[in-house]
Amino acid sequence: MSYAEQLAADRRLTILKLLADSAGYSANEYLLQSALEGFGHAVGQDLLRTELAWLAEQSLVAVLDVAQVNIAKLTARGGDVAAGRISVPGVKRPGPAA
C-alpha cells in the first residue's frame, strides 16, 4: 500500500470517528475540515467533498446538501467501521481501545 493510500485510509477512518463522536452523528464539511486539521489531515474543500462522496458510495455516511454546504451523517454501517466491528477496504481499521 502506498503512502497516499495509507493517508487516505486514515483520513476516512478519522472522518468516521469524528462523526461517531458528534451529536446526532453528523457534522458539516467546515467542522470536519477544521477537526481533520487537528488530527494532522490538512485538506481542502475539494478533497474533503471527494472523501465524503467515496464514504457515501460505501454506505458509510449519508451526505445532504443544505444551502451548498455538505452535511455528513454516519450510517449504522459507518458506525460499525469506526468501532472496528467490520472492515472496509480503503478505510484504516482502528486499533484496540486503550
Protein backbone atom coordinates (compact mmCIF):
# COMPACT_ATOMS: atom_id res chain seq x y z
CA MET A 1 0.00 0.00 0.00
CA SER A 2 1.42 3.37 -0.98
CA TYR A 3 1.78 6.29 1.40
CA ALA A 4 -1.06 8.13 -0.37
CA GLU A 5 -3.34 5.11 0.08
CA GLN A 6 -2.41 4.85 3.78
CA LEU A 7 -3.07 8.55 4.23
CA ALA A 8 -6.50 8.30 2.54
CA ALA A 9 -7.45 5.24 4.63
CA ASP A 10 -6.50 7.03 7.85
CA ARG A 11 -8.32 10.21 6.78
CA ARG A 12 -11.50 8.22 6.08
CA LEU A 13 -11.34 6.48 9.46
CA THR A 14 -10.81 9.84 11.15
CA ILE A 15 -13.92 11.25 9.43
CA LEU A 16 -15.97 8.26 10.60
CA LYS A 17 -14.67 8.58 14.17
CA LEU A 18 -15.41 12.32 14.21
CA LEU A 19 -18.97 11.66 13.11
CA ALA A 20 -19.34 8.85 15.67
CA ASP A 21 -18.36 11.33 18.40
CA SER A 22 -20.62 14.14 17.10
CA ALA A 23 -24.04 14.96 18.48
CA GLY A 24 -26.59 13.41 16.15
CA TYR A 25 -23.75 11.54 14.40
CA SER A 26 -23.47 14.37 11.88
CA ALA A 27 -21.35 17.41 11.06
CA ASN A 28 -21.00 19.94 8.28
CA GLU A 29 -17.99 19.94 5.99
CA TYR A 30 -16.45 23.03 7.59
CA LEU A 31 -16.44 21.47 11.05
CA LEU A 32 -15.00 18.25 9.63
CA GLN A 33 -12.31 20.16 7.74
CA SER A 34 -11.26 22.01 10.90
CA ALA A 35 -11.29 18.86 13.03
CA LEU A 36 -9.31 16.89 10.44
CA GLU A 37 -6.59 19.54 10.53
CA GLY A 38 -6.30 18.99 14.28
CA PHE A 39 -5.58 15.30 13.56
CA GLY A 40 -2.86 16.08 11.03
CA HIS A 41 -5.02 15.94 7.90
CA ALA A 42 -4.96 19.43 6.37
CA VAL A 43 -7.31 19.02 3.40
CA GLY A 44 -9.01 21.40 1.03
CA GLN A 45 -12.74 21.50 0.44
CA ASP A 46 -12.47 19.59 -2.85
CA LEU A 47 -10.63 16.67 -1.28
CA LEU A 48 -12.98 16.56 1.70
CA ARG A 49 -16.00 16.50 -0.61
CA THR A 50 -14.36 13.73 -2.62
CA GLU A 51 -13.79 11.71 0.55
CA LEU A 52 -17.38 12.24 1.70
CA ALA A 53 -18.64 11.09 -1.72
CA TRP A 54 -16.42 7.99 -1.50
CA LEU A 55 -17.68 7.21 2.01
CA ALA A 56 -21.26 7.67 0.78
CA GLU A 57 -20.63 5.24 -2.11
CA GLN A 58 -19.53 2.68 0.50
CA SER A 59 -22.74 3.35 2.51
CA LEU A 60 -20.69 4.58 5.47
CA VAL A 61 -22.17 8.09 5.52
CA ALA A 62 -25.14 9.89 4.03
CA VAL A 63 -24.41 13.33 2.57
CA LEU A 64 -27.04 16.04 2.37
CA ASP A 65 -26.51 19.36 0.58
CA VAL A 66 -28.04 22.20 2.59
CA ALA A 67 -27.60 25.64 1.02
CA GLN A 68 -24.47 24.39 -0.81
CA VAL A 69 -22.91 23.04 2.39
CA ASN A 70 -22.44 19.30 2.74
CA ILE A 71 -23.75 17.72 5.92
CA ALA A 72 -22.41 14.21 6.58
CA LYS A 73 -24.33 11.76 8.76
CA LEU A 74 -22.86 8.48 9.92
CA THR A 75 -24.78 5.35 8.89
CA ALA A 76 -25.05 2.23 11.05
CA ARG A 77 -22.50 0.57 8.75
CA GLY A 78 -20.16 3.54 9.16
CA GLY A 79 -20.52 3.27 12.92
CA ASP A 80 -19.55 -0.39 12.73
CA VAL A 81 -16.42 0.51 10.74
CA ALA A 82 -15.49 3.34 13.14
CA ALA A 83 -15.81 0.92 16.07
CA GLY A 84 -13.79 -1.80 14.34
CA ARG A 85 -16.68 -4.28 14.19
CA ILE A 86 -16.37 -4.58 10.40
CA SER A 87 -13.66 -3.57 7.95
CA VAL A 88 -13.97 -1.94 4.54
CA PRO A 89 -11.10 -1.85 2.04
CA GLY A 90 -9.86 1.72 1.76
CA VAL A 91 -10.63 2.60 5.39
CA LYS A 92 -8.00 2.04 8.07
CA ARG A 93 -9.06 -0.37 10.77
CA PRO A 94 -8.98 1.24 14.21
CA GLY A 95 -6.63 -0.12 16.82
CA PRO A 96 -7.90 -1.74 20.00
CA ALA A 97 -9.33 0.55 22.66
CA ALA A 98 -6.97 1.53 25.45
